């Protein structure tokens, strides 16, 4: 298993580099399984992804969540995105460390003028391109990787405008060797990241929180179903334990409740990546779910 972070300015050849590396890995002696995680998989327009900071933060959260789920499958995972913020690359490095796998950064080093030219050419051909304002903003905020940073190391540098991107490129070959080389006690040029005690504890705590959240939300659903089954129209479901009531103005069927529950759990998992942590006890999980249901039903929690 390994995590490869593709990094570069907008329109610097990153997707070509990701695809080329993927093909080279699949054709290597070890016949690696490779998965590319990119922005296109979310079916969002690239200008929408970077239109403002909330949209960009949401995109990074989706990518990070997909990476976190994928690194445990035994594949080599390639993250094809700008990955232009060093703090975000550090977060991806932490995911690799927690999984105990190899990690590297593949940097497409292209000067701004050539990236700007390629972006205009893509637009002229009717291909996906960046609006001028968004392009300039992304270029301005780009944080170039530095091999002295552990989250940028090892760093493989491609120069697409000068050398092109081919499976036979020396840099691609070096990356393939690094990602596929058999490691033993004498190996010194390949580093397998080791999870720290703090990282392992955090992952255990997150798994436990998800279990508690799943159980708590199911108990709330059960209470709604049971109280509606008593007969007669009800406008309020009480849960006890100092929890606010759920205000309902119509009968709510089990399919709708199940859909709301799944959406809530998914939202909580995504928000915990960059926002407040998941609740660690059942009552906290129930309270958040009740607040969410009241907003969905148009009521308000007391």
C-alpha atoms as a PDB file:
ATOM      1  CA  UNK A   1       0.000   0.000   0.000  1.00  0.00           C
ATOM      2  CA  UNK A   2       1.122   3.540  -0.687  1.00  0.00           C
ATOM      3  CA  UNK A   3      -0.191   7.080  -0.987  1.00  0.00           C
ATOM      4  CA  UNK A   4       1.035   9.320  -3.812  1.00  0.00           C
ATOM      5  CA  UNK A   5       0.179  13.023  -3.662  1.00  0.00           C
ATOM      6  CA  UNK A   6       0.255  14.783  -7.040  1.00  0.00           C
ATOM      7  CA  UNK A   7       1.078  18.460  -6.603  1.00  0.00           C
ATOM      8  CA  UNK A   8       1.365  21.434  -8.929  1.00  0.00           C
ATOM      9  CA  UNK A   9      -0.010  24.684 -10.242  1.00  0.00           C
ATOM     10  CA  UNK A  10      -3.352  24.641 -12.087  1.00  0.00           C
ATOM     11  CA  UNK A  11      -2.935  23.268 -15.632  1.00  0.00           C
ATOM     12  CA  UNK A  12       0.570  21.939 -15.010  1.00  0.00           C
ATOM     13  CA  UNK A  13      -0.013  18.382 -16.236  1.00  0.00           C
ATOM     14  CA  UNK A  14      -1.003  16.758 -12.947  1.00  0.00           C
ATOM     15  CA  UNK A  15      -3.748  14.526 -14.334  1.00  0.00           C
ATOM     16  CA  UNK A  16      -1.469  13.338 -17.119  1.00  0.00           C
ATOM     17  CA  UNK A  17       1.216  12.598 -14.541  1.00  0.00           C
ATOM     18  CA  UNK A  18      -1.254  10.669 -12.354  1.00  0.00           C
ATOM     19  CA  UNK A  19      -2.474   8.580 -15.282  1.00  0.00           C
ATOM     20  CA  UNK A  20       1.073   7.946 -16.546  1.00  0.00           C
ATOM     21  CA  UNK A  21       2.273   6.826 -13.112  1.00  0.00           C
ATOM     22  CA  UNK A  22      -0.805   4.630 -12.711  1.00  0.00           C
ATOM     23  CA  UNK A  23      -0.167   2.880 -16.023  1.00  0.00           C
ATOM     24  CA  UNK A  24       3.530   2.424 -15.218  1.00  0.00           C
ATOM     25  CA  UNK A  25       2.675   0.857 -11.848  1.00  0.00           C
ATOM     26  CA  UNK A  26       0.145  -1.517 -13.418  1.00  0.00           C
ATOM     27  CA  UNK A  27       2.738  -2.592 -15.995  1.00  0.00           C
ATOM     28  CA  UNK A  28       5.502  -3.069 -13.422  1.00  0.00           C
ATOM     29  CA  UNK A  29       6.678  -6.517 -12.347  1.00  0.00           C
ATOM     30  CA  UNK A  30       4.495  -6.370  -9.240  1.00  0.00           C
ATOM     31  CA  UNK A  31       1.327  -5.561 -11.274  1.00  0.00           C
ATOM     32  CA  UNK A  32       0.049  -3.081  -8.697  1.00  0.00           C
ATOM     33  CA  UNK A  33      -3.602  -2.235  -8.149  1.00  0.00           C
ATOM     34  CA  UNK A  34      -3.889   1.546  -8.440  1.00  0.00           C
ATOM     35  CA  UNK A  35      -6.729   3.893  -7.611  1.00  0.00           C
ATOM     36  CA  UNK A  36      -6.766   7.538  -8.678  1.00  0.00           C
ATOM     37  CA  UNK A  37      -8.800   9.912  -6.513  1.00  0.00           C
ATOM     38  CA  UNK A  38      -9.480  13.152  -8.354  1.00  0.00           C
ATOM     39  CA  UNK A  39     -11.834  16.107  -8.385  1.00  0.00           C
ATOM     40  CA  UNK A  40     -13.704  14.893 -11.473  1.00  0.00           C
ATOM     41  CA  UNK A  41     -15.008  11.892  -9.523  1.00  0.00           C
ATOM     42  CA  UNK A  42     -17.270  14.264  -7.562  1.00  0.00           C
ATOM     43  CA  UNK A  43     -18.853  15.567 -10.792  1.00  0.00           C
ATOM     44  CA  UNK A  44     -18.271  19.201  -9.874  1.00  0.00           C
ATOM     45  CA  UNK A  45     -17.120  21.981 -12.156  1.00  0.00           C
ATOM     46  CA  UNK A  46     -13.538  22.966 -11.338  1.00  0.00           C
ATOM     47  CA  UNK A  47     -14.503  26.628 -11.132  1.00  0.00           C
ATOM     48  CA  UNK A  48     -17.249  25.764  -8.644  1.00  0.00           C
ATOM     49  CA  UNK A  49     -14.726  23.834  -6.548  1.00  0.00           C
ATOM     50  CA  UNK A  50     -12.535  26.923  -6.152  1.00  0.00           C
ATOM     51  CA  UNK A  51     -15.130  29.702  -6.376  1.00  0.00           C
ATOM     52  CA  UNK A  52     -14.732  30.555  -2.684  1.00  0.00           C
ATOM     53  CA  UNK A  53     -13.068  29.253   0.452  1.00  0.00           C
ATOM     54  CA  UNK A  54     -16.074  27.235   1.746  1.00  0.00           C
ATOM     55  CA  UNK A  55     -16.363  25.424  -1.607  1.00  0.00           C
ATOM     56  CA  UNK A  56     -12.628  24.721  -1.670  1.00  0.00           C
ATOM     57  CA  UNK A  57     -12.667  23.512   1.918  1.00  0.00           C
ATOM     58  CA  UNK A  58     -15.588  21.218   1.110  1.00  0.00           C
ATOM     59  CA  UNK A  59     -13.683  19.762  -1.843  1.00  0.00           C
ATOM     60  CA  UNK A  60     -10.591  19.088   0.256  1.00  0.00           C
ATOM     61  CA  UNK A  61     -12.763  17.419   2.878  1.00  0.00           C
ATOM     62  CA  UNK A  62     -14.302  15.095   0.286  1.00  0.00           C
ATOM     63  CA  UNK A  63     -10.920  14.199  -1.166  1.00  0.00           C
ATOM     64  CA  UNK A  64      -9.412  13.596   2.263  1.00  0.00           C
ATOM     65  CA  UNK A  65     -12.341  11.441   3.346  1.00  0.00           C
ATOM     66  CA  UNK A  66     -12.065   9.333   0.183  1.00  0.00           C
ATOM     67  CA  UNK A  67      -8.311   8.938   0.710  1.00  0.00           C
ATOM     68  CA  UNK A  68      -8.824   7.902   4.326  1.00  0.00           C
ATOM     69  CA  UNK A  69     -11.278   5.196   3.255  1.00  0.00           C
ATOM     70  CA  UNK A  70      -9.104   3.976   0.400  1.00  0.00           C
ATOM     71  CA  UNK A  71      -5.663   3.568   1.983  1.00  0.00           C
ATOM     72  CA  UNK A  72      -6.749   0.429   3.850  1.00  0.00           C
ATOM     73  CA  UNK A  73      -7.740  -1.497   0.707  1.00  0.00           C
ATOM     74  CA  UNK A  74      -4.265  -2.630  -0.275  1.00  0.00           C
ATOM     75  CA  UNK A  75      -4.027  -0.437  -3.400  1.00  0.00           C
ATOM     76  CA  UNK A  76      -1.636   2.328  -4.317  1.00  0.00           C
ATOM     77  CA  UNK A  77      -3.724   5.488  -4.018  1.00  0.00           C
ATOM     78  CA  UNK A  78      -2.900   8.510  -6.177  1.00  0.00           C
ATOM     79  CA  UNK A  79      -4.442  11.851  -5.180  1.00  0.00           C
ATOM     80  CA  UNK A  80      -4.804  13.920  -8.350  1.00  0.00           C
ATOM     81  CA  UNK A  81      -5.592  17.474  -7.261  1.00  0.00           C
ATOM     82  CA  UNK A  82      -3.822  20.795  -6.770  1.00  0.00           C
ATOM     83  CA  UNK A  83      -2.751  19.777  -3.236  1.00  0.00           C
ATOM     84  CA  UNK A  84      -1.253  23.251  -3.169  1.00  0.00           C
ATOM     85  CA  UNK A  85      -1.511  23.987   0.554  1.00  0.00           C
ATOM     86  CA  UNK A  86       1.270  22.553   2.677  1.00  0.00           C
ATOM     87  CA  UNK A  87      -1.064  22.146   5.656  1.00  0.00           C
ATOM     88  CA  UNK A  88      -3.327  19.948   3.525  1.00  0.00           C
ATOM     89  CA  UNK A  89      -0.375  17.859   2.315  1.00  0.00           C
ATOM     90  CA  UNK A  90       0.527  17.396   5.966  1.00  0.00           C
ATOM     91  CA  UNK A  91      -2.983  16.069   6.653  1.00  0.00           C
ATOM     92  CA  UNK A  92      -2.604  13.552   3.822  1.00  0.00           C
ATOM     93  CA  UNK A  93       0.810  12.555   5.183  1.00  0.00           C
ATOM     94  CA  UNK A  94      -0.828  11.943   8.570  1.00  0.00           C
ATOM     95  CA  UNK A  95      -3.355   9.609   6.930  1.00  0.00           C
ATOM     96  CA  UNK A  96      -0.490   7.636   5.380  1.00  0.00           C
ATOM     97  CA  UNK A  97       1.345   7.522   8.688  1.00  0.00           C
ATOM     98  CA  UNK A  98      -1.742   6.309  10.516  1.00  0.00           C
ATOM     99  CA  UNK A  99      -2.145   3.538   7.932  1.00  0.00           C
ATOM    100  CA  UNK A 100       1.550   2.576   8.160  1.00  0.00           C
ATOM    101  CA  UNK A 101       2.221   2.808   4.398  1.00  0.00           C
ATOM    102  CA  UNK A 102       4.631   4.378   1.929  1.00  0.00           C
ATOM    103  CA  UNK A 103       4.142   8.000   0.959  1.00  0.00           C
ATOM    104  CA  UNK A 104       5.600  10.329  -1.639  1.00  0.00           C
ATOM    105  CA  UNK A 105       4.868  13.572  -3.499  1.00  0.00           C
ATOM    106  CA  UNK A 106       5.042  13.891  -7.289  1.00  0.00           C
ATOM    107  CA  UNK A 107       5.472  17.573  -8.204  1.00  0.00           C
ATOM    108  CA  UNK A 108       4.727  18.898 -11.697  1.00  0.00           C
ATOM    109  CA  UNK A 109       7.049  21.908 -11.841  1.00  0.00           C
ATOM    110  CA  UNK A 110       5.832  24.262 -14.572  1.00  0.00           C
ATOM    111  CA  UNK A 111       6.292  28.044 -14.632  1.00  0.00           C
ATOM    112  CA  UNK A 112       3.204  30.205 -14.208  1.00  0.00           C
ATOM    113  CA  UNK A 113       3.313  31.628 -17.738  1.00  0.00           C
ATOM    114  CA  UNK A 114       3.191  28.188 -19.354  1.00  0.00           C
ATOM    115  CA  UNK A 115       0.371  27.073 -17.000  1.00  0.00           C
ATOM    116  CA  UNK A 116      -1.557  30.214 -17.965  1.00  0.00           C
ATOM    117  CA  UNK A 117      -0.982  29.457 -21.644  1.00  0.00           C
ATOM    118  CA  UNK A 118      -2.123  25.836 -21.274  1.00  0.00           C
ATOM    119  CA  UNK A 119      -5.234  26.959 -19.410  1.00  0.00           C
ATOM    120  CA  UNK A 120      -6.200  29.317 -22.258  1.00  0.00           C
ATOM    121  CA  UNK A 121      -5.546  26.592 -24.825  1.00  0.00           C
ATOM    122  CA  UNK A 122      -7.848  24.213 -22.979  1.00  0.00           C
ATOM    123  CA  UNK A 123     -10.580  26.806 -22.865  1.00  0.00           C
ATOM    124  CA  UNK A 124     -10.153  27.459 -26.564  1.00  0.00           C
ATOM    125  CA  UNK A 125     -10.660  23.749 -27.282  1.00  0.00           C
ATOM    126  CA  UNK A 126     -13.800  23.676 -25.153  1.00  0.00           C
ATOM    127  CA  UNK A 127     -12.107  21.553 -22.461  1.00  0.00           C
ATOM    128  CA  UNK A 128     -12.363  22.115 -18.729  1.00  0.00           C
ATOM    129  CA  UNK A 129     -10.384  25.214 -17.778  1.00  0.00           C
ATOM    130  CA  UNK A 130     -10.191  27.785 -14.992  1.00  0.00           C
ATOM    131  CA  UNK A 131     -11.747  31.234 -15.131  1.00  0.00           C
ATOM    132  CA  UNK A 132      -9.009  33.878 -15.214  1.00  0.00           C
ATOM    133  CA  UNK A 133      -9.763  35.220 -11.730  1.00  0.00           C
ATOM    134  CA  UNK A 134      -9.796  31.757 -10.146  1.00  0.00           C
ATOM    135  CA  UNK A 135      -6.628  30.746 -12.000  1.00  0.00           C
ATOM    136  CA  UNK A 136      -4.708  33.800 -10.774  1.00  0.00           C
ATOM    137  CA  UNK A 137      -5.918  33.276  -7.208  1.00  0.00           C
ATOM    138  CA  UNK A 138      -4.784  29.630  -7.207  1.00  0.00           C
ATOM    139  CA  UNK A 139      -1.394  30.542  -8.645  1.00  0.00           C
ATOM    140  CA  UNK A 140      -0.931  33.236  -6.012  1.00  0.00           C
ATOM    141  CA  UNK A 141      -1.740  30.887  -3.111  1.00  0.00           C
ATOM    142  CA  UNK A 142       0.310  27.916  -4.317  1.00  0.00           C
ATOM    143  CA  UNK A 143       2.826  26.641  -1.748  1.00  0.00           C
ATOM    144  CA  UNK A 144       5.641  24.815  -3.483  1.00  0.00           C
ATOM    145  CA  UNK A 145       6.669  21.504  -1.883  1.00  0.00           C
ATOM    146  CA  UNK A 146      10.073  21.339  -0.217  1.00  0.00           C
ATOM    147  CA  UNK A 147      11.840  18.019   0.297  1.00  0.00           C
ATOM    148  CA  UNK A 148      13.071  19.116   3.728  1.00  0.00           C
ATOM    149  CA  UNK A 149       9.457  18.857   4.950  1.00  0.00           C
ATOM    150  CA  UNK A 150       8.572  15.323   5.990  1.00  0.00           C
ATOM    151  CA  UNK A 151       5.125  15.684   4.379  1.00  0.00           C
ATOM    152  CA  UNK A 152       6.805  16.590   1.056  1.00  0.00           C
ATOM    153  CA  UNK A 153       9.355  13.785   1.186  1.00  0.00           C
ATOM    154  CA  UNK A 154      10.365  11.845  -0.776  1.00  0.00           C
ATOM    155  CA  UNK A 155       9.772  14.392  -3.532  1.00  0.00           C
ATOM    156  CA  UNK A 156       9.810  13.385  -7.200  1.00  0.00           C
ATOM    157  CA  UNK A 157       9.940  16.371  -9.569  1.00  0.00           C
ATOM    158  CA  UNK A 158       8.616  16.330 -13.134  1.00  0.00           C
ATOM    159  CA  UNK A 159       9.139  19.165 -15.648  1.00  0.00           C
ATOM    160  CA  UNK A 160       6.270  18.605 -18.122  1.00  0.00           C
ATOM    161  CA  UNK A 161       6.839  21.734 -20.249  1.00  0.00           C
ATOM    162  CA  UNK A 162      10.500  20.837 -20.759  1.00  0.00           C
ATOM    163  CA  UNK A 163      10.580  17.030 -20.792  1.00  0.00           C
ATOM    164  CA  UNK A 164       6.977  15.960 -21.302  1.00  0.00           C
ATOM    165  CA  UNK A 165       5.447  13.142 -19.247  1.00  0.00           C
ATOM    166  CA  UNK A 166       6.160   9.579 -20.344  1.00  0.00           C
ATOM    167  CA  UNK A 167       6.128   6.198 -18.629  1.00  0.00           C
ATOM    168  CA  UNK A 168       9.800   5.944 -19.579  1.00  0.00           C
ATOM    169  CA  UNK A 169      10.659   9.248 -17.863  1.00  0.00           C
ATOM    170  CA  UNK A 170      13.459   8.724 -15.308  1.00  0.00           C
ATOM    171  CA  UNK A 171      11.402  10.418 -12.579  1.00  0.00           C
ATOM    172  CA  UNK A 172       8.395   8.164 -13.227  1.00  0.00           C
ATOM    173  CA  UNK A 173      10.676   5.113 -13.170  1.00  0.00           C
ATOM    174  CA  UNK A 174      12.208   6.259  -9.879  1.00  0.00           C
ATOM    175  CA  UNK A 175       8.748   6.695  -8.355  1.00  0.00           C
ATOM    176  CA  UNK A 176       7.654   3.237  -9.536  1.00  0.00           C
ATOM    177  CA  UNK A 177      10.779   1.682  -8.031  1.00  0.00           C
ATOM    178  CA  UNK A 178      10.207   3.466  -4.731  1.00  0.00           C
ATOM    179  CA  UNK A 179       6.568   2.405  -4.557  1.00  0.00           C
ATOM    180  CA  UNK A 180       7.100  -1.243  -5.515  1.00  0.00           C
ATOM    181  CA  UNK A 181      10.487  -2.157  -4.060  1.00  0.00           C
ATOM    182  CA  UNK A 182      10.484  -5.028  -1.580  1.00  0.00           C
ATOM    183  CA  UNK A 183      11.434  -3.783   1.872  1.00  0.00           C
ATOM    184  CA  UNK A 184      13.429  -5.730   4.444  1.00  0.00           C
ATOM    185  CA  UNK A 185      15.585  -4.923   7.465  1.00  0.00           C
ATOM    186  CA  UNK A 186      18.467  -3.821   5.247  1.00  0.00           C
ATOM    187  CA  UNK A 187      16.456  -1.436   3.060  1.00  0.00           C
ATOM    188  CA  UNK A 188      17.438   2.182   3.612  1.00  0.00           C
ATOM    189  CA  UNK A 189      16.090   4.050   0.580  1.00  0.00           C
ATOM    190  CA  UNK A 190      12.386   3.265   1.123  1.00  0.00           C
ATOM    191  CA  UNK A 191      10.518   4.543   4.138  1.00  0.00           C
ATOM    192  CA  UNK A 192       7.369   2.947   5.512  1.00  0.00           C
ATOM    193  CA  UNK A 193       5.619   5.462   7.749  1.00  0.00           C
ATOM    194  CA  UNK A 194       4.940   4.186  11.243  1.00  0.00           C
ATOM    195  CA  UNK A 195       1.779   5.229  13.103  1.00  0.00           C
ATOM    196  CA  UNK A 196       2.391   6.987  16.397  1.00  0.00           C
ATOM    197  CA  UNK A 197       0.588   6.036  19.593  1.00  0.00           C
ATOM    198  CA  UNK A 198      -1.355   9.305  19.374  1.00  0.00           C
ATOM    199  CA  UNK A 199      -2.468   8.533  15.801  1.00  0.00           C
ATOM    200  CA  UNK A 200      -3.555   5.013  16.690  1.00  0.00           C
ATOM    201  CA  UNK A 201      -5.451   6.311  19.720  1.00  0.00           C
ATOM    202  CA  UNK A 202      -7.177   8.945  17.596  1.00  0.00           C
ATOM    203  CA  UNK A 203      -8.314   6.343  15.074  1.00  0.00           C
ATOM    204  CA  UNK A 204      -9.634   4.101  17.842  1.00  0.00           C
ATOM    205  CA  UNK A 205     -11.476   7.034  19.385  1.00  0.00           C
ATOM    206  CA  UNK A 206     -12.997   7.957  16.030  1.00  0.00           C
ATOM    207  CA  UNK A 207     -14.187   4.388  15.423  1.00  0.00           C
ATOM    208  CA  UNK A 208     -15.702   4.288  18.908  1.00  0.00           C
ATOM    209  CA  UNK A 209     -17.427   7.652  18.345  1.00  0.00           C
ATOM    210  CA  UNK A 210     -18.939   6.449  15.074  1.00  0.00           C
ATOM    211  CA  UNK A 211     -20.265   3.365  16.856  1.00  0.00           C
ATOM    212  CA  UNK A 212     -21.817   5.512  19.589  1.00  0.00           C
ATOM    213  CA  UNK A 213     -23.314   7.881  17.013  1.00  0.00           C
ATOM    214  CA  UNK A 214     -24.781   4.998  15.017  1.00  0.00           C
ATOM    215  CA  UNK A 215     -26.345   3.473  18.117  1.00  0.00           C
ATOM    216  CA  UNK A 216     -27.654   6.807  19.439  1.00  0.00           C
ATOM    217  CA  UNK A 217     -29.334   7.789  16.175  1.00  0.00           C
ATOM    218  CA  UNK A 218     -30.980   4.371  15.892  1.00  0.00           C
ATOM    219  CA  UNK A 219     -32.428   4.758  19.380  1.00  0.00           C
ATOM    220  CA  UNK A 220     -33.928   8.120  18.371  1.00  0.00           C
ATOM    221  CA  UNK A 221     -35.468   6.552  15.259  1.00  0.00           C
ATOM    222  CA  UNK A 222     -36.909   3.725  17.364  1.00  0.00           C
ATOM    223  CA  UNK A 223     -38.493   6.232  19.749  1.00  0.00           C
ATOM    224  CA  UNK A 224     -40.153   8.128  16.897  1.00  0.00           C
ATOM    225  CA  UNK A 225     -41.533   4.943  15.352  1.00  0.00           C
ATOM    226  CA  UNK A 226     -42.786   3.594  18.676  1.00  0.00           C
ATOM    227  CA  UNK A 227     -44.553   6.816  19.696  1.00  0.00           C
ATOM    228  CA  UNK A 228     -46.173   7.194  16.272  1.00  0.00           C
ATOM    229  CA  UNK A 229     -47.363   3.582  16.471  1.00  0.00           C
ATOM    230  CA  UNK A 230     -49.414   4.367  19.607  1.00  0.00           C
ATOM    231  CA  UNK A 231     -52.071   5.822  17.313  1.00  0.00           C
ATOM    232  CA  UNK A 232     -53.511   9.262  16.864  1.00  0.00           C
ATOM    233  CA  UNK A 233     -51.822  12.363  15.562  1.00  0.00           C
ATOM    234  CA  UNK A 234     -48.780  13.452  17.565  1.00  0.00           C
ATOM    235  CA  UNK A 235     -46.842  16.669  17.265  1.00  0.00           C
ATOM    236  CA  UNK A 236     -44.020  15.962  19.676  1.00  0.00           C
ATOM    237  CA  UNK A 237     -41.750  12.999  20.410  1.00  0.00           C
ATOM    238  CA  UNK A 238     -40.121  12.989  23.835  1.00  0.00           C
ATOM    239  CA  UNK A 239     -36.882  11.197  24.576  1.00  0.00           C
ATOM    240  CA  UNK A 240     -36.192  11.907  28.261  1.00  0.00           C
ATOM    241  CA  UNK A 241     -32.686  12.294  29.719  1.00  0.00           C
ATOM    242  CA  UNK A 242     -33.028  16.101  29.489  1.00  0.00           C
ATOM    243  CA  UNK A 243     -33.060  15.876  25.702  1.00  0.00           C
ATOM    244  CA  UNK A 244     -35.167  18.353  23.702  1.00  0.00           C
ATOM    245  CA  UNK A 245     -38.352  16.981  22.128  1.00  0.00           C
ATOM    246  CA  UNK A 246     -38.673  16.359  18.414  1.00  0.00           C
ATOM    247  CA  UNK A 247     -41.360  18.563  16.887  1.00  0.00           C
ATOM    248  CA  UNK A 248     -43.213  16.911  14.013  1.00  0.00           C
ATOM    249  CA  UNK A 249     -46.159  18.236  12.044  1.00  0.00           C
ATOM    250  CA  UNK A 250     -47.008  15.089  10.088  1.00  0.00           C
ATOM    251  CA  UNK A 251     -46.475  11.319  10.225  1.00  0.00           C
ATOM    252  CA  UNK A 252     -42.894  10.411   9.337  1.00  0.00           C
ATOM    253  CA  UNK A 253     -42.390   7.021   7.716  1.00  0.00           C
ATOM    254  CA  UNK A 254     -39.490   4.682   8.423  1.00  0.00           C
ATOM    255  CA  UNK A 255     -37.926   5.092   4.921  1.00  0.00           C
ATOM    256  CA  UNK A 256     -37.717   8.863   5.382  1.00  0.00           C
ATOM    257  CA  UNK A 257     -36.342   8.474   8.893  1.00  0.00           C
ATOM    258  CA  UNK A 258     -33.723   6.047   7.643  1.00  0.00           C
ATOM    259  CA  UNK A 259     -32.676   8.444   4.902  1.00  0.00           C
ATOM    260  CA  UNK A 260     -32.370  11.340   7.360  1.00  0.00           C
ATOM    261  CA  UNK A 261     -30.338   9.178   9.723  1.00  0.00           C
ATOM    262  CA  UNK A 262     -27.891   8.101   6.999  1.00  0.00           C
ATOM    263  CA  UNK A 263     -27.478  11.677   5.802  1.00  0.00           C
ATOM    264  CA  UNK A 264     -26.842  12.921   9.338  1.00  0.00           C
ATOM    265  CA  UNK A 265     -24.198  10.274  10.080  1.00  0.00           C
ATOM    266  CA  UNK A 266     -22.469  11.029   6.780  1.00  0.00           C
ATOM    267  CA  UNK A 267     -22.489  14.778   7.451  1.00  0.00           C
ATOM    268  CA  UNK A 268     -21.100  14.256  10.937  1.00  0.00           C
ATOM    269  CA  UNK A 269     -18.281  12.109   9.579  1.00  0.00           C
ATOM    270  CA  UNK A 270     -17.355  14.717   6.971  1.00  0.00           C
ATOM    271  CA  UNK A 271     -17.530  17.689   9.331  1.00  0.00           C
ATOM    272  CA  UNK A 272     -15.314  15.957  11.893  1.00  0.00           C
ATOM    273  CA  UNK A 273     -12.458  16.064   9.367  1.00  0.00           C
ATOM    274  CA  UNK A 274     -12.121  19.831   9.644  1.00  0.00           C
ATOM    275  CA  UNK A 275     -14.613  20.869  12.315  1.00  0.00           C
ATOM    276  CA  UNK A 276     -15.730  19.750  15.769  1.00  0.00           C
ATOM    277  CA  UNK A 277     -15.032  16.114  16.711  1.00  0.00           C
ATOM    278  CA  UNK A 278     -17.688  13.440  16.756  1.00  0.00           C
ATOM    279  CA  UNK A 279     -19.709  13.131  19.985  1.00  0.00           C
ATOM    280  CA  UNK A 280     -18.171  10.614  22.352  1.00  0.00           C
ATOM    281  CA  UNK A 281     -21.302   9.633  24.278  1.00  0.00           C
ATOM    282  CA  UNK A 282     -24.839   8.574  23.382  1.00  0.00           C
ATOM    283  CA  UNK A 283     -26.640  11.617  24.810  1.00  0.00           C
ATOM    284  CA  UNK A 284     -24.451  14.072  22.888  1.00  0.00           C
ATOM    285  CA  UNK A 285     -25.079  12.114  19.709  1.00  0.00           C
ATOM    286  CA  UNK A 286     -28.825  12.080  20.337  1.00  0.00           C
ATOM    287  CA  UNK A 287     -28.909  15.815  21.049  1.00  0.00           C
ATOM    288  CA  UNK A 288     -27.158  16.640  17.766  1.00  0.00           C
ATOM    289  CA  UNK A 289     -29.451  14.289  15.858  1.00  0.00           C
ATOM    290  CA  UNK A 290     -32.544  15.827  17.472  1.00  0.00           C
ATOM    291  CA  UNK A 291     -31.341  19.311  16.534  1.00  0.00           C
ATOM    292  CA  UNK A 292     -30.813  18.111  12.969  1.00  0.00           C
ATOM    293  CA  UNK A 293     -34.275  16.501  12.774  1.00  0.00           C
ATOM    294  CA  UNK A 294     -35.955  19.608  14.144  1.00  0.00           C
ATOM    295  CA  UNK A 295     -34.286  21.701  11.466  1.00  0.00           C
ATOM    296  CA  UNK A 296     -35.366  19.223   8.791  1.00  0.00           C
ATOM    297  CA  UNK A 297     -38.936  19.054  10.109  1.00  0.00           C
ATOM    298  CA  UNK A 298     -39.155  22.809  10.516  1.00  0.00           C
ATOM    299  CA  UNK A 299     -39.346  22.720  14.306  1.00  0.00           C
ATOM    300  CA  UNK A 300     -36.948  24.014  16.929  1.00  0.00           C
ATOM    301  CA  UNK A 301     -35.325  22.301  19.867  1.00  0.00           C
ATOM    302  CA  UNK A 302     -35.787  23.801  23.294  1.00  0.00           C
END
